[in-house]
PDB file of N, CA and C in Angstrom:
ATOM      1  N   MET A   1     108.406 127.974  73.202  1.00  0.00           N
ATOM      2  CA  MET A   1     107.354 127.227  72.533  1.00  0.00           C
ATOM      3  C   MET A   1     106.003 127.882  72.820  1.00  0.00           C
ATOM      4  N   ASP A   2     105.182 128.058  71.804  1.00  0.00           N
ATOM      5  CA  ASP A   2     103.864 128.650  71.983  1.00  0.00           C
ATOM      6  C   ASP A   2     102.878 127.603  72.463  1.00  0.00           C
ATOM      7  N   ILE A   3     102.060 127.992  73.444  1.00  0.00           N
ATOM      8  CA  ILE A   3     100.989 127.125  73.922  1.00  0.00           C
ATOM      9  C   ILE A   3      99.832 127.263  72.934  1.00  0.00           C
ATOM     10  N   ARG A   4      99.290 126.150  72.499  1.00  0.00           N
ATOM     11  CA  ARG A   4      98.171 126.212  71.563  1.00  0.00           C
ATOM     12  C   ARG A   4      96.980 125.450  72.129  1.00  0.00           C
ATOM     13  N   PRO A   5      95.771 125.826  71.701  1.00  0.00           N
ATOM     14  CA  PRO A   5      94.582 125.114  72.177  1.00  0.00           C
ATOM     15  C   PRO A   5      94.625 123.644  71.751  1.00  0.00           C
ATOM     16  N   ILE A   6      93.987 122.805  72.533  1.00  0.00           N
ATOM     17  CA  ILE A   6      93.898 121.390  72.184  1.00  0.00           C
ATOM     18  C   ILE A   6      92.435 120.997  72.057  1.00  0.00           C
ATOM     19  N   THR A   7      92.191 119.933  71.314  1.00  0.00           N
ATOM     20  CA  THR A   7      90.849 119.374  71.218  1.00  0.00           C
ATOM     21  C   THR A   7      90.910 117.916  71.660  1.00  0.00           C
ATOM     22  N   GLU A   8      89.860 117.491  72.314  1.00  0.00           N
ATOM     23  CA  GLU A   8      89.840 116.127  72.857  1.00  0.00           C
ATOM     24  C   GLU A   8      90.013 115.080  71.767  1.00  0.00           C
ATOM     25  N   SER A   9      89.460 115.313  70.599  1.00  0.00           N
ATOM     26  CA  SER A   9      89.538 114.302  69.541  1.00  0.00           C
ATOM     27  C   SER A   9      90.980 114.025  69.099  1.00  0.00           C
ATOM     28  N   GLU A  10      91.882 114.993  69.265  1.00  0.00           N
ATOM     29  CA  GLU A  10      93.300 114.788  68.924  1.00  0.00           C
ATOM     30  C   GLU A  10      93.987 113.813  69.880  1.00  0.00           C
ATOM     31  N   TRP A  11      93.452 113.691  71.079  1.00  0.00           N
ATOM     32  CA  TRP A  11      94.126 112.951  72.148  1.00  0.00           C
ATOM     33  C   TRP A  11      93.508 111.594  72.431  1.00  0.00           C
ATOM     34  N   ARG A  12      92.210 111.474  72.211  1.00  0.00           N
ATOM     35  CA  ARG A  12      91.503 110.233  72.542  1.00  0.00           C
ATOM     36  C   ARG A  12      92.127 109.063  71.804  1.00  0.00           C
ATOM     37  N   GLY A  13      92.445 108.003  72.536  1.00  0.00           N
ATOM     38  CA  GLY A  13      93.023 106.802  71.943  1.00  0.00           C
ATOM     39  C   GLY A  13      94.541 106.735  72.015  1.00  0.00           C
ATOM     40  N   LEU A  14      95.193 107.841  72.378  1.00  0.00           N
ATOM     41  CA  LEU A  14      96.653 107.802  72.524  1.00  0.00           C
ATOM     42  C   LEU A  14      97.032 106.985  73.755  1.00  0.00           C
ATOM     43  N   SER A  15      98.163 106.319  73.701  1.00  0.00           N
ATOM     44  CA  SER A  15      98.683 105.665  74.906  1.00  0.00           C
ATOM     45  C   SER A  15      99.184 106.758  75.846  1.00  0.00           C
ATOM     46  N   LEU A  16      99.382 106.429  77.102  1.00  0.00           N
ATOM     47  CA  LEU A  16      99.899 107.401  78.057  1.00  0.00           C
ATOM     48  C   LEU A  16     101.228 107.964  77.579  1.00  0.00           C
ATOM     49  N   GLN A  17     102.125 107.116  77.111  1.00  0.00           N
ATOM     50  CA  GLN A  17     103.429 107.586  76.650  1.00  0.00           C
ATOM     51  C   GLN A  17     103.307 108.514  75.441  1.00  0.00           C
ATOM     52  N   GLU A  18     102.406 108.198  74.530  1.00  0.00           N
ATOM     53  CA  GLU A  18     102.178 109.077  73.375  1.00  0.00           C
ATOM     54  C   GLU A  18     101.625 110.428  73.818  1.00  0.00           C
ATOM     55  N   ALA A  19     100.705 110.408  74.775  1.00  0.00           N
ATOM     56  CA  ALA A  19     100.111 111.654  75.272  1.00  0.00           C
ATOM     57  C   ALA A  19     101.145 112.522  75.984  1.00  0.00           C
ATOM     58  N   ILE A  20     102.014 111.893  76.772  1.00  0.00           N
ATOM     59  CA  ILE A  20     103.071 112.644  77.453  1.00  0.00           C
ATOM     60  C   ILE A  20     103.987 113.301  76.425  1.00  0.00           C
ATOM     61  N   LYS A  21     104.393 112.546  75.440  1.00  0.00           N
ATOM     62  CA  LYS A  21     105.271 113.080  74.396  1.00  0.00           C
ATOM     63  C   LYS A  21     104.588 114.227  73.656  1.00  0.00           C
ATOM     64  N   LYS A  22     103.312 114.067  73.331  1.00  0.00           N
ATOM     65  CA  LYS A  22     102.558 115.102  72.631  1.00  0.00           C
ATOM     66  C   LYS A  22     102.448 116.354  73.493  1.00  0.00           C
ATOM     67  N   ALA A  23     102.110 116.192  74.769  1.00  0.00           N
ATOM     68  CA  ALA A  23     101.972 117.340  75.671  1.00  0.00           C
ATOM     69  C   ALA A  23     103.281 118.110  75.782  1.00  0.00           C
ATOM     70  N   GLU A  24     104.341 117.395  76.061  1.00  0.00           N
ATOM     71  CA  GLU A  24     105.633 118.051  76.230  1.00  0.00           C
ATOM     72  C   GLU A  24     106.114 118.675  74.922  1.00  0.00           C
ATOM     73  N   GLY A  25     105.779 118.061  73.805  1.00  0.00           N
ATOM     74  CA  GLY A  25     106.181 118.576  72.505  1.00  0.00           C
ATOM     75  C   GLY A  25     105.513 119.886  72.121  1.00  0.00           C
ATOM     76  N   ILE A  26     104.352 120.164  72.713  1.00  0.00           N
ATOM     77  CA  ILE A  26     103.659 121.418  72.410  1.00  0.00           C
ATOM     78  C   ILE A  26     103.705 122.394  73.582  1.00  0.00           C
ATOM     79  N   GLY A  27     104.564 122.105  74.562  1.00  0.00           N
ATOM     80  CA  GLY A  27     104.781 123.048  75.651  1.00  0.00           C
ATOM     81  C   GLY A  27     103.829 122.950  76.825  1.00  0.00           C
ATOM     82  N   TYR A  28     103.124 121.838  76.945  1.00  0.00           N
ATOM     83  CA  TYR A  28     102.212 121.629  78.066  1.00  0.00           C
ATOM     84  C   TYR A  28     102.869 120.761  79.137  1.00  0.00           C
ATOM     85  N   ILE A  29     102.444 120.974  80.377  1.00  0.00           N
ATOM     86  CA  ILE A  29     102.720 120.003  81.418  1.00  0.00           C
ATOM     87  C   ILE A  29     101.489 119.093  81.473  1.00  0.00           C
ATOM     88  N   TRP A  30     101.569 117.991  82.175  1.00  0.00           N
ATOM     89  CA  TRP A  30     100.458 117.038  82.164  1.00  0.00           C
ATOM     90  C   TRP A  30     100.274 116.433  83.545  1.00  0.00           C
ATOM     91  N   ARG A  31      99.089 115.902  83.752  1.00  0.00           N
ATOM     92  CA  ARG A  31      98.818 115.104  84.952  1.00  0.00           C
ATOM     93  C   ARG A  31      97.666 114.158  84.649  1.00  0.00           C
ATOM     94  N   ILE A  32      97.636 113.077  85.394  1.00  0.00           N
ATOM     95  CA  ILE A  32      96.553 112.101  85.287  1.00  0.00           C
ATOM     96  C   ILE A  32      95.508 112.478  86.329  1.00  0.00           C
ATOM     97  N   VAL A  33      94.276 112.697  85.885  1.00  0.00           N
ATOM     98  CA  VAL A  33      93.202 113.078  86.803  1.00  0.00           C
ATOM     99  C   VAL A  33      92.249 111.927  87.099  1.00  0.00           C
ATOM    100  N   GLU A  34      92.262 110.918  86.234  1.00  0.00           N
ATOM    101  CA  GLU A  34      91.409 109.739  86.440  1.00  0.00           C
ATOM    102  C   GLU A  34      92.053 108.552  85.749  1.00  0.00           C
ATOM    103  N   GLU A  35      92.021 107.407  86.429  1.00  0.00           N
ATOM    104  CA  GLU A  35      92.581 106.186  85.852  1.00  0.00           C
ATOM    105  C   GLU A  35      91.639 105.029  86.114  1.00  0.00           C
ATOM    106  N   ASN A  36      91.168 104.416  85.042  1.00  0.00           N
ATOM    107  CA  ASN A  36      90.243 103.278  85.118  1.00  0.00           C
ATOM    108  C   ASN A  36      89.020 103.587  85.982  1.00  0.00           C
ATOM    109  N   GLY A  37      88.485 104.790  85.804  1.00  0.00           N
ATOM    110  CA  GLY A  37      87.279 105.190  86.532  1.00  0.00           C
ATOM    111  C   GLY A  37      87.516 105.707  87.933  1.00  0.00           C
ATOM    112  N   ASN A  38      88.761 105.716  88.383  1.00  0.00           N
ATOM    113  CA  ASN A  38      89.090 106.179  89.732  1.00  0.00           C
ATOM    114  C   ASN A  38      89.715 107.567  89.673  1.00  0.00           C
ATOM    115  N   PRO A  39      89.016 108.582  90.210  1.00  0.00           N
ATOM    116  CA  PRO A  39      89.586 109.923  90.208  1.00  0.00           C
ATOM    117  C   PRO A  39      90.794 110.002  91.135  1.00  0.00           C
ATOM    118  N   LYS A  40      91.753 110.844  90.762  1.00  0.00           N
ATOM    119  CA  LYS A  40      92.956 111.053  91.561  1.00  0.00           C
ATOM    120  C   LYS A  40      92.748 112.247  92.485  1.00  0.00           C
ATOM    121  N   MET A  41      93.429 112.244  93.611  1.00  0.00           N
ATOM    122  CA  MET A  41      93.432 113.398  94.507  1.00  0.00           C
ATOM    123  C   MET A  41      94.298 114.471  93.847  1.00  0.00           C
ATOM    124  N   LEU A  42      93.743 115.663  93.682  1.00  0.00           N
ATOM    125  CA  LEU A  42      94.440 116.719  92.954  1.00  0.00           C
ATOM    126  C   LEU A  42      94.489 117.996  93.770  1.00  0.00           C
ATOM    127  N   GLU A  43      95.510 118.797  93.514  1.00  0.00           N
ATOM    128  CA  GLU A  43      95.543 120.149  94.040  1.00  0.00           C
ATOM    129  C   GLU A  43      94.552 120.972  93.238  1.00  0.00           C
ATOM    130  N   TYR A  44      93.903 121.895  93.895  1.00  0.00           N
ATOM    131  CA  TYR A  44      92.927 122.722  93.195  1.00  0.00           C
ATOM    132  C   TYR A  44      93.615 123.992  92.709  1.00  0.00           C
ATOM    133  N   ASN A  45      94.271 123.863  91.578  1.00  0.00           N
ATOM    134  CA  ASN A  45      94.883 125.018  90.922  1.00  0.00           C
ATOM    135  C   ASN A  45      94.700 124.860  89.427  1.00  0.00           C
ATOM    136  N   VAL A  46      94.746 125.965  88.743  1.00  0.00           N
ATOM    137  CA  VAL A  46      94.534 125.964  87.300  1.00  0.00           C
ATOM    138  C   VAL A  46      95.786 126.510  86.628  1.00  0.00           C
ATOM    139  N   LYS A  47      96.220 125.827  85.606  1.00  0.00           N
ATOM    140  CA  LYS A  47      97.369 126.271  84.813  1.00  0.00           C
ATOM    141  C   LYS A  47      96.969 126.214  83.348  1.00  0.00           C
ATOM    142  N   SER A  48      97.181 127.304  82.657  1.00  0.00           N
ATOM    143  CA  SER A  48      96.753 127.375  81.258  1.00  0.00           C
ATOM    144  C   SER A  48      97.559 126.450  80.351  1.00  0.00           C
ATOM    145  N   ASN A  49      98.718 126.016  80.825  1.00  0.00           N
ATOM    146  CA  ASN A  49      99.574 125.153  80.004  1.00  0.00           C
ATOM    147  C   ASN A  49      99.602 123.709  80.512  1.00  0.00           C
ATOM    148  N   ARG A  50      98.505 123.283  81.126  1.00  0.00           N
ATOM    149  CA  ARG A  50      98.457 121.902  81.633  1.00  0.00           C
ATOM    150  C   ARG A  50      97.328 121.133  80.962  1.00  0.00           C
ATOM    151  N   VAL A  51      97.630 119.907  80.591  1.00  0.00           N
ATOM    152  CA  VAL A  51      96.625 118.998  80.051  1.00  0.00           C
ATOM    153  C   VAL A  51      96.335 117.943  81.117  1.00  0.00           C
ATOM    154  N   ASN A  52      95.059 117.735  81.382  1.00  0.00           N
ATOM    155  CA  ASN A  52      94.592 116.766  82.369  1.00  0.00           C
ATOM    156  C   ASN A  52      94.093 115.539  81.626  1.00  0.00           C
ATOM    157  N   LEU A  53      94.645 114.397  81.962  1.00  0.00           N
ATOM    158  CA  LEU A  53      94.367 113.167  81.228  1.00  0.00           C
ATOM    159  C   LEU A  53      93.475 112.226  82.024  1.00  0.00           C
ATOM    160  N   ARG A  54      92.447 111.711  81.360  1.00  0.00           N
ATOM    161  CA  ARG A  54      91.625 110.629  81.892  1.00  0.00           C
ATOM    162  C   ARG A  54      92.016 109.375  81.127  1.00  0.00           C
ATOM    163  N   LEU A  55      92.355 108.321  81.863  1.00  0.00           N
ATOM    164  CA  LEU A  55      92.885 107.103  81.243  1.00  0.00           C
ATOM    165  C   LEU A  55      92.023 105.884  81.541  1.00  0.00           C
ATOM    166  N   ARG A  56      92.030 104.966  80.607  1.00  0.00           N
ATOM    167  CA  ARG A  56      91.495 103.618  80.833  1.00  0.00           C
ATOM    168  C   ARG A  56      92.496 102.661  80.205  1.00  0.00           C
ATOM    169  N   ASP A  57      93.020 101.762  81.011  1.00  0.00           N
ATOM    170  CA  ASP A  57      94.013 100.778  80.556  1.00  0.00           C
ATOM    171  C   ASP A  57      95.188 101.443  79.832  1.00  0.00           C
ATOM    172  N   ASN A  58      95.642 102.585  80.389  1.00  0.00           N
ATOM    173  CA  ASN A  58      96.784 103.355  79.874  1.00  0.00           C
ATOM    174  C   ASN A  58      96.542 104.000  78.510  1.00  0.00           C
ATOM    175  N   PHE A  59      95.293 104.202  78.142  1.00  0.00           N
ATOM    176  CA  PHE A  59      94.939 104.940  76.929  1.00  0.00           C
ATOM    177  C   PHE A  59      94.051 106.115  77.298  1.00  0.00           C
ATOM    178  N   VAL A  60      94.225 107.217  76.607  1.00  0.00           N
ATOM    179  CA  VAL A  60      93.463 108.439  76.880  1.00  0.00           C
ATOM    180  C   VAL A  60      92.010 108.243  76.441  1.00  0.00           C
ATOM    181  N   ILE A  61      91.099 108.528  77.384  1.00  0.00           N
ATOM    182  CA  ILE A  61      89.658 108.488  77.058  1.00  0.00           C
ATOM    183  C   ILE A  61      89.040 109.884  77.183  1.00  0.00           C
ATOM    184  N   GLY A  62      89.802 110.812  77.768  1.00  0.00           N
ATOM    185  CA  GLY A  62      89.317 112.171  77.917  1.00  0.00           C
ATOM    186  C   GLY A  62      90.463 113.089  78.267  1.00  0.00           C
ATOM    187  N   VAL A  63      90.302 114.364  77.956  1.00  0.00           N
ATOM    188  CA  VAL A  63      91.357 115.335  78.208  1.00  0.00           C
ATOM    189  C   VAL A  63      90.732 116.720  78.322  1.00  0.00           C
ATOM    190  N   TYR A  64      91.290 117.522  79.212  1.00  0.00           N
ATOM    191  CA  TYR A  64      90.894 118.934  79.283  1.00  0.00           C
ATOM    192  C   TYR A  64      92.084 119.726  79.822  1.00  0.00           C
ATOM    193  N   THR A  65      92.085 121.014  79.575  1.00  0.00           N
ATOM    194  CA  THR A  65      93.186 121.856  80.026  1.00  0.00           C
ATOM    195  C   THR A  65      92.824 122.554  81.330  1.00  0.00           C
ATOM    196  N   GLY A  66      93.849 123.055  81.974  1.00  0.00           N
ATOM    197  CA  GLY A  66      93.627 123.848  83.186  1.00  0.00           C
ATOM    198  C   GLY A  66      94.266 123.292  84.409  1.00  0.00           C
TER     199      GLY A  66
END
């Protein structure tokens, strides 16, 4: 599967389950970096095929890769 660029507007408003399905469907791994305003403890590494999800009430409010 080819990794393709993502844009935040494609992801904003998706439920967590929808975002996971979308990420895996396009060859990305995923992680939650913030939930309801609370940042998560993360390893400091960058992966070109990872989408980082910011959530509020289990819906995506922000996303970035790396």
